[in-house]
Amino acid sequence: MLRKTLLAAVAAGSAFGLSTSTASAALLLHDPFDQAVGSINGTKSTTGTWPGSGTWNGTGTISAGSLSYGPLLTSGNQANYDAVANANRQIGASLGGANTDLWVSFLIAANRNDSGISFFTGGTEQNFMGNGGGSGQTLGLQNPNINTGIAQSTATHMYVLRMQTGATGNITTTLYIDPATSSLGTGTAPTGSLFDNSASPNTTRLPYSFDTVRLGAFNSAGTVRFDELRIGTSWVDVSPVPEPTAAAGVLLAAGGLLARRRRRGV
C-alpha cells in the first residue's frame, strides 16, 4: 500500500511538471541577455520574450554572469558598457497608448554619467532611465524629470516604472527604485514609491507609446551593466521569482507520510 502511495505521488509530481519561472500571458517583453559572450551587435537572447524578431544593433558587450537583486528570477548574462557606446533594438510592436497600464523593470549597475535605457517612438526619445549627467549624477527618470538622490555606484539597483495612460493620453507615472524584496513575485506592488504623480498626471512629452529600446553610455569614464529588462501589464509580470516545483512539494508530502508510517511501525 505504501509503495502505491509513493508511486501515485511521483506520478502527480510528473503531471504538475517542474517549473523554475513565473509564467504570465501579460509579460510583453523580457530580455535576459542570455546570448553568447561577445559583441551585442546582431544578437538577441535565446530564451527571452520579444514581439519582433530583430536583433540589437550597435556597440556594447555581452559579459558572463547575471546581475542579481534579492529573489528576482534571473538567468543568462548581462549587457556591459565600459566605453561610450549604445545599441538599439526595435520591439516589433508599439507598446503603450491610450487606456493602457504598462510596467517596466530592469537591473542596472552604473557608476557612469549619462548611461541608461531609453524608449523611442519613430526615432524620437520619449523617456530615459538611469544615471543623469551634469550636477545630477544620480539614478533618475526623464519625463517627468526625477532626480532620486540615489548616488551612482557599482551596486545593482532595480528600476520599476509604471505608466498608466488614460483615454485622453494623460499619464500617471509611478517610479520605484529598489522595491522591497518581499514584494517580488506577489500580486501587490510595494508601498513607498519614489514618485507618484496620480494627483497631477503628466501631459507634456508623453511616453505615449514606444517601438524601440536603446541601451547606452554617452559620457565620462566608468561602467554600466544592464540585465533582466521586462515590460508587462502588472507588477507580478515584471518582478517574478522562482516558483517551488510542484513535484518537489508532492514528494516532500510523501516523505512525511513515509516517516509517520515508520514511526507507527507500519
Protein backbone atom coordinates (compact mmCIF):
# COMPACT_ATOMS: atom_id res chain seq x y z
CA MET A 1 0.00 0.00 0.00
CA LEU A 2 2.82 2.38 0.87
CA ARG A 3 4.58 1.68 -2.42
CA LYS A 4 1.39 2.54 -4.31
CA THR A 5 1.09 5.79 -2.36
CA LEU A 6 4.64 6.82 -3.27
CA LEU A 7 4.15 5.90 -6.93
CA ALA A 8 0.97 7.95 -7.03
CA ALA A 9 2.82 10.89 -5.52
CA VAL A 10 5.58 10.66 -8.11
CA ALA A 11 3.00 10.44 -10.90
CA ALA A 12 1.24 13.51 -9.55
CA GLY A 13 4.53 15.37 -9.46
CA SER A 14 5.21 14.44 -13.07
CA ALA A 15 1.78 15.65 -14.05
CA PHE A 16 2.42 19.02 -12.43
CA GLY A 17 5.83 19.30 -14.10
CA LEU A 18 8.90 21.18 -12.96
CA SER A 19 8.71 24.96 -13.07
CA THR A 20 11.52 27.40 -12.35
CA SER A 21 9.96 30.59 -13.65
CA THR A 22 6.81 32.63 -13.30
CA ALA A 23 4.78 32.48 -16.48
CA SER A 24 2.36 35.23 -17.38
CA ALA A 25 0.40 35.88 -20.53
CA ALA A 26 0.73 39.60 -19.79
CA LEU A 27 4.54 39.61 -19.99
CA LEU A 28 5.04 41.58 -23.19
CA LEU A 29 8.83 41.69 -23.37
CA HIS A 30 11.72 40.08 -21.50
CA ASP A 31 15.40 40.24 -22.34
CA PRO A 32 17.66 38.19 -20.02
CA PHE A 33 20.69 38.91 -22.23
CA ASP A 34 21.49 35.21 -22.34
CA GLN A 35 23.11 35.22 -25.76
CA ALA A 36 26.77 34.23 -26.14
CA VAL A 37 29.50 36.34 -24.56
CA GLY A 38 30.93 38.85 -27.04
CA SER A 39 29.66 41.79 -29.08
CA ILE A 40 25.96 42.61 -28.66
CA ASN A 41 25.67 43.72 -32.27
CA GLY A 42 23.44 41.46 -34.35
CA THR A 43 22.45 39.27 -31.39
CA LYS A 44 19.31 38.50 -29.42
CA SER A 45 18.56 36.48 -26.31
CA THR A 46 17.81 32.80 -26.76
CA THR A 47 15.04 32.39 -24.17
CA GLY A 48 13.58 35.86 -23.86
CA THR A 49 10.18 37.19 -24.91
CA TRP A 50 10.27 39.80 -27.67
CA PRO A 51 7.40 40.75 -30.01
CA GLY A 52 9.64 41.15 -33.04
CA SER A 53 12.46 39.06 -34.47
CA GLY A 54 15.01 41.86 -34.76
CA THR A 55 18.41 41.98 -33.09
CA TRP A 56 20.43 44.51 -31.11
CA ASN A 57 22.21 46.91 -33.44
CA GLY A 58 25.16 48.99 -32.31
CA THR A 59 28.00 48.59 -29.87
CA GLY A 60 28.33 47.02 -26.45
CA THR A 61 29.37 43.70 -24.95
CA ILE A 62 27.61 40.67 -23.51
CA SER A 63 29.52 39.60 -20.39
CA ALA A 64 29.27 36.38 -18.41
CA GLY A 65 27.03 36.19 -15.37
CA SER A 66 23.71 37.75 -14.46
CA LEU A 67 23.09 40.70 -12.17
CA SER A 68 21.01 39.82 -9.13
CA TYR A 69 18.51 41.56 -6.88
CA GLY A 70 17.07 39.65 -3.92
CA PRO A 71 14.97 36.68 -5.09
CA LEU A 72 14.26 38.17 -8.54
CA LEU A 73 14.30 35.49 -11.22
CA THR A 74 17.45 35.96 -13.32
CA SER A 75 19.30 33.94 -15.92
CA GLY A 76 21.94 34.19 -18.59
CA ASN A 77 24.45 37.02 -18.88
CA GLN A 78 24.42 40.85 -18.87
CA ALA A 79 24.97 43.78 -21.21
CA ASN A 80 28.22 45.59 -20.46
CA TYR A 81 29.21 49.18 -21.34
CA ASP A 82 32.73 50.18 -20.28
CA ALA A 83 33.13 52.78 -23.03
CA VAL A 84 30.94 55.34 -24.78
CA ALA A 85 28.63 53.14 -26.84
CA ASN A 86 24.97 52.33 -27.46
CA ALA A 87 22.78 49.73 -29.11
CA ASN A 88 19.11 49.75 -30.02
CA ARG A 89 16.55 47.09 -30.81
CA GLN A 90 13.16 47.54 -32.43
CA ILE A 91 10.37 45.96 -30.44
CA GLY A 92 8.36 44.85 -33.44
CA ALA A 93 5.21 46.39 -31.96
CA SER A 94 4.10 49.67 -30.43
CA LEU A 95 3.72 49.30 -26.67
CA GLY A 96 1.62 51.68 -24.61
CA GLY A 97 -1.00 54.04 -25.93
CA ALA A 98 -4.40 55.14 -24.67
CA ASN A 99 -6.13 53.08 -21.98
CA THR A 100 -3.06 51.02 -21.11
CA ASP A 101 -1.31 50.07 -17.89
CA LEU A 102 2.34 49.36 -18.62
CA TRP A 103 5.06 48.22 -16.20
CA VAL A 104 8.80 48.29 -16.95
CA SER A 105 11.60 46.82 -14.84
CA PHE A 106 15.31 46.23 -15.27
CA LEU A 107 18.52 45.84 -13.30
CA ILE A 108 21.31 48.39 -13.61
CA ALA A 109 24.74 48.81 -12.04
CA ALA A 110 26.19 52.13 -13.18
CA ASN A 111 28.93 54.44 -11.98
CA ARG A 112 28.99 56.40 -15.21
CA ASN A 113 27.26 59.67 -16.12
CA ASP A 114 24.66 59.70 -18.88
CA SER A 115 24.08 55.97 -19.01
CA GLY A 116 20.79 54.15 -19.05
CA ILE A 117 17.86 52.75 -21.01
CA SER A 118 15.75 54.86 -23.37
CA PHE A 119 12.44 54.28 -25.14
CA PHE A 120 11.89 55.71 -28.62
CA THR A 121 8.97 56.25 -30.95
CA GLY A 122 9.84 56.65 -34.59
CA GLY A 123 13.35 57.85 -33.76
CA THR A 124 12.24 60.31 -31.06
CA GLU A 125 13.39 59.63 -27.49
CA GLN A 126 10.37 59.50 -25.21
CA ASN A 127 11.94 58.54 -21.90
CA PHE A 128 15.29 57.81 -20.26
CA MET A 129 16.02 55.88 -17.05
CA GLY A 130 19.45 55.69 -15.49
CA ASN A 131 22.32 57.95 -14.42
CA GLY A 132 21.95 61.56 -15.39
CA GLY A 133 24.72 63.99 -16.24
CA GLY A 134 25.86 67.38 -15.07
CA SER A 135 25.31 68.08 -11.39
CA GLY A 136 22.73 65.30 -11.06
CA GLN A 137 24.85 62.20 -11.47
CA THR A 138 22.28 60.11 -9.63
CA LEU A 139 19.78 57.47 -10.59
CA GLY A 140 16.66 59.05 -12.00
CA LEU A 141 14.00 59.32 -14.65
CA GLN A 142 13.42 61.72 -17.52
CA ASN A 143 9.84 62.69 -18.40
CA PRO A 144 8.84 63.53 -15.80
CA ASN A 145 12.29 64.61 -14.68
CA ILE A 146 13.01 62.92 -11.35
CA ASN A 147 16.35 63.07 -9.58
CA THR A 148 16.08 60.43 -6.88
CA GLY A 149 19.21 61.39 -4.95
CA ILE A 150 20.49 57.81 -5.12
CA ALA A 151 24.20 58.10 -5.88
CA GLN A 152 25.68 56.29 -8.83
CA SER A 153 27.87 53.32 -7.90
CA THR A 154 28.73 49.79 -8.97
CA ALA A 155 25.89 48.41 -6.81
CA THR A 156 23.00 46.74 -8.60
CA HIS A 157 19.67 48.56 -8.45
CA MET A 158 16.23 47.53 -9.64
CA TYR A 159 14.11 50.05 -11.53
CA VAL A 160 10.35 49.65 -11.84
CA LEU A 161 8.33 52.23 -13.77
CA ARG A 162 4.56 52.15 -14.12
CA MET A 163 2.84 54.23 -16.81
CA GLN A 164 -0.96 54.35 -16.73
CA THR A 165 -2.33 56.12 -19.78
CA GLY A 166 -5.92 57.30 -19.86
CA ALA A 167 -8.22 57.71 -22.83
CA THR A 168 -7.11 61.31 -23.36
CA GLY A 169 -3.40 60.49 -23.24
CA ASN A 170 -2.64 61.79 -19.74
CA ILE A 171 -0.14 59.56 -17.95
CA THR A 172 0.11 58.69 -14.29
CA THR A 173 3.73 57.75 -13.55
CA THR A 174 4.90 55.70 -10.58
CA LEU A 175 8.60 55.03 -10.05
CA TYR A 176 10.21 52.51 -7.74
CA ILE A 177 13.93 52.01 -7.27
CA ASP A 178 14.99 49.07 -5.13
CA PRO A 179 11.47 47.93 -4.16
CA ALA A 180 11.07 45.74 -1.09
CA THR A 181 12.31 42.27 -1.98
CA SER A 182 9.37 40.75 -0.09
CA SER A 183 7.04 42.24 -2.71
CA LEU A 184 8.71 40.48 -5.66
CA GLY A 185 6.60 37.79 -7.25
CA THR A 186 3.46 38.89 -5.43
CA GLY A 187 0.29 40.35 -6.85
CA THR A 188 0.66 43.55 -4.83
CA ALA A 189 3.09 46.34 -5.66
CA PRO A 190 5.05 47.72 -2.71
CA THR A 191 4.17 50.95 -0.98
CA GLY A 192 6.61 53.82 -0.73
CA SER A 193 7.28 54.60 -4.38
CA LEU A 194 9.84 57.30 -5.04
CA PHE A 195 7.45 59.22 -7.25
CA ASP A 196 3.73 59.17 -7.97
CA ASN A 197 2.00 61.92 -9.95
CA SER A 198 -1.51 60.47 -9.84
CA ALA A 199 -2.80 63.77 -8.42
CA SER A 200 -1.43 65.66 -11.44
CA PRO A 201 -0.83 63.39 -14.45
CA ASN A 202 1.88 64.26 -16.94
CA THR A 203 0.59 65.93 -20.09
CA THR A 204 3.78 67.02 -21.87
CA ARG A 205 6.37 64.99 -23.82
CA LEU A 206 4.35 61.90 -23.12
CA PRO A 207 5.92 58.45 -23.43
CA TYR A 208 2.58 57.71 -25.04
CA SER A 209 3.84 54.61 -26.84
CA PHE A 210 7.20 53.33 -27.98
CA ASP A 211 8.63 50.90 -30.52
CA THR A 212 12.39 50.84 -29.83
CA VAL A 213 14.65 50.26 -26.83
CA ARG A 214 18.17 51.69 -26.53
CA LEU A 215 20.97 50.79 -24.11
CA GLY A 216 23.73 53.33 -23.83
CA ALA A 217 26.65 55.05 -22.12
CA PHE A 218 27.24 58.51 -23.53
CA ASN A 219 29.73 60.43 -21.43
CA SER A 220 32.59 60.23 -18.94
CA ALA A 221 34.53 57.26 -17.60
CA GLY A 222 33.08 54.37 -15.65
CA THR A 223 30.99 51.28 -16.24
CA VAL A 224 27.34 50.37 -16.63
CA ARG A 225 25.66 46.96 -16.64
CA PHE A 226 22.10 46.14 -17.75
CA ASP A 227 20.13 42.98 -17.15
CA GLU A 228 16.64 41.44 -16.96
CA LEU A 229 14.65 44.02 -18.93
CA ARG A 230 10.94 43.27 -18.60
CA ILE A 231 7.78 45.00 -19.82
CA GLY A 232 4.36 43.76 -18.76
CA THR A 233 0.89 44.79 -17.71
CA SER A 234 1.13 44.06 -13.98
CA TRP A 235 3.55 44.16 -11.06
CA VAL A 236 3.94 40.40 -10.94
CA ASP A 237 4.92 40.30 -14.64
CA VAL A 238 7.99 42.45 -14.06
CA SER A 239 9.05 41.09 -10.65
CA PRO A 240 8.99 37.27 -10.98
CA VAL A 241 10.69 34.93 -8.53
CA PRO A 242 11.47 31.21 -8.95
CA GLU A 243 8.49 29.01 -8.12
CA PRO A 244 8.92 25.97 -5.90
CA THR A 245 8.35 22.89 -8.02
CA ALA A 246 5.02 21.18 -7.60
CA ALA A 247 6.68 17.79 -7.85
CA ALA A 248 9.06 18.61 -5.04
CA GLY A 249 6.13 19.58 -2.83
CA VAL A 250 4.33 16.33 -3.56
CA LEU A 251 7.43 14.25 -2.86
CA LEU A 252 8.03 16.09 0.41
CA ALA A 253 4.48 15.29 1.44
CA ALA A 254 5.03 11.65 0.52
CA GLY A 255 8.25 11.63 2.53
CA GLY A 256 6.35 12.93 5.54
CA LEU A 257 3.79 10.15 5.13
CA LEU A 258 6.57 7.55 5.00
CA ALA A 259 8.17 8.93 8.15
CA ARG A 260 4.86 8.78 10.02
CA ARG A 261 4.27 5.18 8.92
CA ARG A 262 7.73 4.18 10.11
CA ARG A 263 7.17 5.74 13.49
CA ARG A 264 3.98 3.74 13.75
CA GLY A 265 5.77 0.55 12.79
CA VAL A 266 3.82 0.08 9.53
